[in-house]
């Protein structure tokens, strides 16, 4: 029997190539994604493992 993982990938708009982001904004975004789920999905880049 397949049991779904309780936490699935979260859709995010984070763009790791956005050069306007500051270091603090990058780390804050990673922390938010990691708290929501260890795997995020971006429709432009696909899966982002945090």
PDB file of N, CA and C in Angstrom:
ATOM      1  N   UNK A   1       0.847  -1.175   0.000  1.00  0.00           N
ATOM      2  CA  UNK A   1       0.000   0.000   0.000  1.00  0.00           C
ATOM      3  C   UNK A   1       0.892   1.237   0.000  1.00  0.00           C
ATOM      4  N   UNK A   2       0.577   2.178  -0.898  1.00  0.00           N
ATOM      5  CA  UNK A   2       1.319   3.432  -0.948  1.00  0.00           C
ATOM      6  C   UNK A   2       0.761   4.406   0.078  1.00  0.00           C
ATOM      7  N   UNK A   3       1.636   4.898   0.928  1.00  0.00           N
ATOM      8  CA  UNK A   3       1.226   5.883   1.929  1.00  0.00           C
ATOM      9  C   UNK A   3       1.845   7.213   1.523  1.00  0.00           C
ATOM     10  N   UNK A   4       1.018   8.233   1.256  1.00  0.00           N
ATOM     11  CA  UNK A   4       1.587   9.520   0.837  1.00  0.00           C
ATOM     12  C   UNK A   4       2.400  10.162   1.946  1.00  0.00           C
ATOM     13  N   UNK A   5       3.467  10.811   1.543  1.00  0.00           N
ATOM     14  CA  UNK A   5       4.290  11.534   2.505  1.00  0.00           C
ATOM     15  C   UNK A   5       3.445  12.680   3.058  1.00  0.00           C
ATOM     16  N   UNK A   6       3.489  12.929   4.368  1.00  0.00           N
ATOM     17  CA  UNK A   6       2.643  13.971   4.957  1.00  0.00           C
ATOM     18  C   UNK A   6       2.973  15.376   4.453  1.00  0.00           C
ATOM     19  N   UNK A   7       4.172  15.558   3.949  1.00  0.00           N
ATOM     20  CA  UNK A   7       4.569  16.873   3.431  1.00  0.00           C
ATOM     21  C   UNK A   7       4.996  16.702   1.980  1.00  0.00           C
ATOM     22  N   UNK A   8       4.314  17.379   1.091  1.00  0.00           N
ATOM     23  CA  UNK A   8       4.667  17.305  -0.317  1.00  0.00           C
ATOM     24  C   UNK A   8       5.318  18.613  -0.747  1.00  0.00           C
ATOM     25  N   UNK A   9       5.849  18.640  -1.940  1.00  0.00           N
ATOM     26  CA  UNK A   9       6.536  19.834  -2.434  1.00  0.00           C
ATOM     27  C   UNK A   9       5.621  21.052  -2.410  1.00  0.00           C
ATOM     28  N   UNK A  10       6.173  22.158  -1.988  1.00  0.00           N
ATOM     29  CA  UNK A  10       5.465  23.423  -1.900  1.00  0.00           C
ATOM     30  C   UNK A  10       5.810  24.278  -3.118  1.00  0.00           C
ATOM     31  N   UNK A  11       4.798  24.899  -3.735  1.00  0.00           N
ATOM     32  CA  UNK A  11       5.048  25.780  -4.878  1.00  0.00           C
ATOM     33  C   UNK A  11       5.584  27.115  -4.377  1.00  0.00           C
ATOM     34  N   UNK A  12       6.689  27.565  -4.960  1.00  0.00           N
ATOM     35  CA  UNK A  12       7.305  28.830  -4.562  1.00  0.00           C
ATOM     36  C   UNK A  12       7.606  29.682  -5.789  1.00  0.00           C
ATOM     37  N   UNK A  13       7.798  30.973  -5.572  1.00  0.00           N
ATOM     38  CA  UNK A  13       8.164  31.876  -6.660  1.00  0.00           C
ATOM     39  C   UNK A  13       9.614  32.313  -6.538  1.00  0.00           C
ATOM     40  N   UNK A  14      10.342  31.735  -5.628  1.00  0.00           N
ATOM     41  CA  UNK A  14      11.744  32.069  -5.388  1.00  0.00           C
ATOM     42  C   UNK A  14      12.571  31.872  -6.657  1.00  0.00           C
ATOM     43  N   UNK A  15      13.383  32.848  -6.999  1.00  0.00           N
ATOM     44  CA  UNK A  15      14.250  32.766  -8.174  1.00  0.00           C
ATOM     45  C   UNK A  15      15.699  32.867  -7.724  1.00  0.00           C
ATOM     46  N   UNK A  16      16.400  31.740  -7.728  1.00  0.00           N
ATOM     47  CA  UNK A  16      17.770  31.706  -7.230  1.00  0.00           C
ATOM     48  C   UNK A  16      18.743  32.490  -8.112  1.00  0.00           C
ATOM     49  N   UNK A  17      18.311  32.928  -9.293  1.00  0.00           N
ATOM     50  CA  UNK A  17      19.165  33.708 -10.174  1.00  0.00           C
ATOM     51  C   UNK A  17      18.877  35.209 -10.118  1.00  0.00           C
ATOM     52  N   UNK A  18      17.948  35.611  -9.258  1.00  0.00           N
ATOM     53  CA  UNK A  18      17.596  37.027  -9.113  1.00  0.00           C
ATOM     54  C   UNK A  18      18.737  37.757  -8.420  1.00  0.00           C
ATOM     55  N   UNK A  19      19.444  38.594  -9.157  1.00  0.00           N
ATOM     56  CA  UNK A  19      20.617  39.274  -8.607  1.00  0.00           C
ATOM     57  C   UNK A  19      20.265  40.461  -7.724  1.00  0.00           C
ATOM     58  N   UNK A  20      18.975  40.796  -7.611  1.00  0.00           N
ATOM     59  CA  UNK A  20      18.579  41.904  -6.734  1.00  0.00           C
ATOM     60  C   UNK A  20      18.386  41.445  -5.294  1.00  0.00           C
ATOM     61  N   UNK A  21      18.359  40.132  -5.066  1.00  0.00           N
ATOM     62  CA  UNK A  21      18.174  39.614  -3.709  1.00  0.00           C
ATOM     63  C   UNK A  21      19.437  39.829  -2.879  1.00  0.00           C
ATOM     64  N   UNK A  22      19.235  40.240  -1.647  1.00  0.00           N
ATOM     65  CA  UNK A  22      20.371  40.376  -0.734  1.00  0.00           C
ATOM     66  C   UNK A  22      20.657  39.020  -0.097  1.00  0.00           C
ATOM     67  N   UNK A  23      21.813  38.898   0.505  1.00  0.00           N
ATOM     68  CA  UNK A  23      22.174  37.650   1.181  1.00  0.00           C
ATOM     69  C   UNK A  23      21.145  37.303   2.256  1.00  0.00           C
ATOM     70  N   UNK A  24      20.712  38.305   3.030  1.00  0.00           N
ATOM     71  CA  UNK A  24      19.727  38.059   4.088  1.00  0.00           C
ATOM     72  C   UNK A  24      18.392  37.577   3.501  1.00  0.00           C
ATOM     73  N   UNK A  25      17.987  38.141   2.360  1.00  0.00           N
ATOM     74  CA  UNK A  25      16.738  37.711   1.728  1.00  0.00           C
ATOM     75  C   UNK A  25      16.840  36.271   1.231  1.00  0.00           C
ATOM     76  N   UNK A  26      18.000  35.908   0.696  1.00  0.00           N
ATOM     77  CA  UNK A  26      18.206  34.534   0.220  1.00  0.00           C
ATOM     78  C   UNK A  26      18.090  33.554   1.380  1.00  0.00           C
ATOM     79  N   UNK A  27      18.812  33.814   2.470  1.00  0.00           N
ATOM     80  CA  UNK A  27      18.788  32.895   3.609  1.00  0.00           C
ATOM     81  C   UNK A  27      17.403  32.870   4.272  1.00  0.00           C
ATOM     82  N   UNK A  28      16.721  33.987   4.294  1.00  0.00           N
ATOM     83  CA  UNK A  28      15.372  34.033   4.835  1.00  0.00           C
ATOM     84  C   UNK A  28      14.422  33.194   3.981  1.00  0.00           C
ATOM     85  N   UNK A  29      14.564  33.306   2.669  1.00  0.00           N
ATOM     86  CA  UNK A  29      13.727  32.506   1.761  1.00  0.00           C
ATOM     87  C   UNK A  29      13.991  31.021   1.946  1.00  0.00           C
ATOM     88  N   UNK A  30      15.269  30.638   2.042  1.00  0.00           N
ATOM     89  CA  UNK A  30      15.607  29.231   2.281  1.00  0.00           C
ATOM     90  C   UNK A  30      14.988  28.734   3.586  1.00  0.00           C
ATOM     91  N   UNK A  31      15.062  29.535   4.624  1.00  0.00           N
ATOM     92  CA  UNK A  31      14.500  29.130   5.914  1.00  0.00           C
ATOM     93  C   UNK A  31      12.988  28.941   5.819  1.00  0.00           C
ATOM     94  N   UNK A  32      12.308  29.856   5.132  1.00  0.00           N
ATOM     95  CA  UNK A  32      10.854  29.729   4.962  1.00  0.00           C
ATOM     96  C   UNK A  32      10.502  28.474   4.175  1.00  0.00           C
ATOM     97  N   UNK A  33      11.248  28.202   3.090  1.00  0.00           N
ATOM     98  CA  UNK A  33      10.978  26.999   2.293  1.00  0.00           C
ATOM     99  C   UNK A  33      11.257  25.738   3.101  1.00  0.00           C
ATOM    100  N   UNK A  34      12.354  25.745   3.847  1.00  0.00           N
ATOM    101  CA  UNK A  34      12.726  24.577   4.661  1.00  0.00           C
ATOM    102  C   UNK A  34      11.680  24.311   5.733  1.00  0.00           C
ATOM    103  N   UNK A  35      11.125  25.374   6.345  1.00  0.00           N
ATOM    104  CA  UNK A  35      10.088  25.207   7.367  1.00  0.00           C
ATOM    105  C   UNK A  35       8.790  24.673   6.774  1.00  0.00           C
ATOM    106  N   UNK A  36       8.481  25.106   5.549  1.00  0.00           N
ATOM    107  CA  UNK A  36       7.240  24.660   4.904  1.00  0.00           C
ATOM    108  C   UNK A  36       7.349  23.206   4.449  1.00  0.00           C
ATOM    109  N   UNK A  37       8.491  22.856   3.895  1.00  0.00           N
ATOM    110  CA  UNK A  37       8.718  21.501   3.389  1.00  0.00           C
ATOM    111  C   UNK A  37      10.155  21.438   2.892  1.00  0.00           C
ATOM    112  N   UNK A  38      10.833  20.320   3.039  1.00  0.00           N
ATOM    113  CA  UNK A  38      12.223  20.250   2.602  1.00  0.00           C
ATOM    114  C   UNK A  38      12.397  20.285   1.080  1.00  0.00           C
ATOM    115  N   UNK A  39      11.291  20.153   0.348  1.00  0.00           N
ATOM    116  CA  UNK A  39      11.355  20.201  -1.112  1.00  0.00           C
ATOM    117  C   UNK A  39      10.352  21.232  -1.605  1.00  0.00           C
ATOM    118  N   UNK A  40      10.829  22.164  -2.411  1.00  0.00           N
ATOM    119  CA  UNK A  40       9.956  23.188  -2.991  1.00  0.00           C
ATOM    120  C   UNK A  40       9.933  22.997  -4.506  1.00  0.00           C
ATOM    121  N   UNK A  41       8.883  23.477  -5.138  1.00  0.00           N
ATOM    122  CA  UNK A  41       8.776  23.385  -6.587  1.00  0.00           C
ATOM    123  C   UNK A  41       8.558  24.771  -7.161  1.00  0.00           C
ATOM    124  N   UNK A  42       9.304  25.078  -8.202  1.00  0.00           N
ATOM    125  CA  UNK A  42       9.178  26.346  -8.902  1.00  0.00           C
ATOM    126  C   UNK A  42       8.817  26.013 -10.343  1.00  0.00           C
ATOM    127  N   UNK A  43       7.747  26.613 -10.878  1.00  0.00           N
ATOM    128  CA  UNK A  43       7.296  26.255 -12.216  1.00  0.00           C
ATOM    129  C   UNK A  43       8.343  26.578 -13.282  1.00  0.00           C
ATOM    130  N   UNK A  44       9.242  27.510 -13.006  1.00  0.00           N
ATOM    131  CA  UNK A  44      10.291  27.857 -13.969  1.00  0.00           C
ATOM    132  C   UNK A  44      11.501  26.939 -13.866  1.00  0.00           C
ATOM    133  N   UNK A  45      11.915  26.594 -12.640  1.00  0.00           N
ATOM    134  CA  UNK A  45      13.142  25.835 -12.431  1.00  0.00           C
ATOM    135  C   UNK A  45      12.938  24.397 -11.971  1.00  0.00           C
ATOM    136  N   UNK A  46      11.732  24.029 -11.594  1.00  0.00           N
ATOM    137  CA  UNK A  46      11.484  22.670 -11.133  1.00  0.00           C
ATOM    138  C   UNK A  46      11.680  22.543  -9.635  1.00  0.00           C
ATOM    139  N   UNK A  47      12.249  21.430  -9.211  1.00  0.00           N
ATOM    140  CA  UNK A  47      12.381  21.127  -7.788  1.00  0.00           C
ATOM    141  C   UNK A  47      13.576  21.855  -7.187  1.00  0.00           C
ATOM    142  N   UNK A  48      13.353  22.436  -6.017  1.00  0.00           N
ATOM    143  CA  UNK A  48      14.405  23.093  -5.240  1.00  0.00           C
ATOM    144  C   UNK A  48      14.494  22.352  -3.920  1.00  0.00           C
ATOM    145  N   UNK A  49      15.597  21.676  -3.680  1.00  0.00           N
ATOM    146  CA  UNK A  49      15.785  20.974  -2.416  1.00  0.00           C
ATOM    147  C   UNK A  49      16.403  21.933  -1.417  1.00  0.00           C
ATOM    148  N   UNK A  50      15.725  22.092  -0.268  1.00  0.00           N
ATOM    149  CA  UNK A  50      16.239  23.023   0.724  1.00  0.00           C
ATOM    150  C   UNK A  50      16.840  22.246   1.865  1.00  0.00           C
TER     151      UNK A  50
END
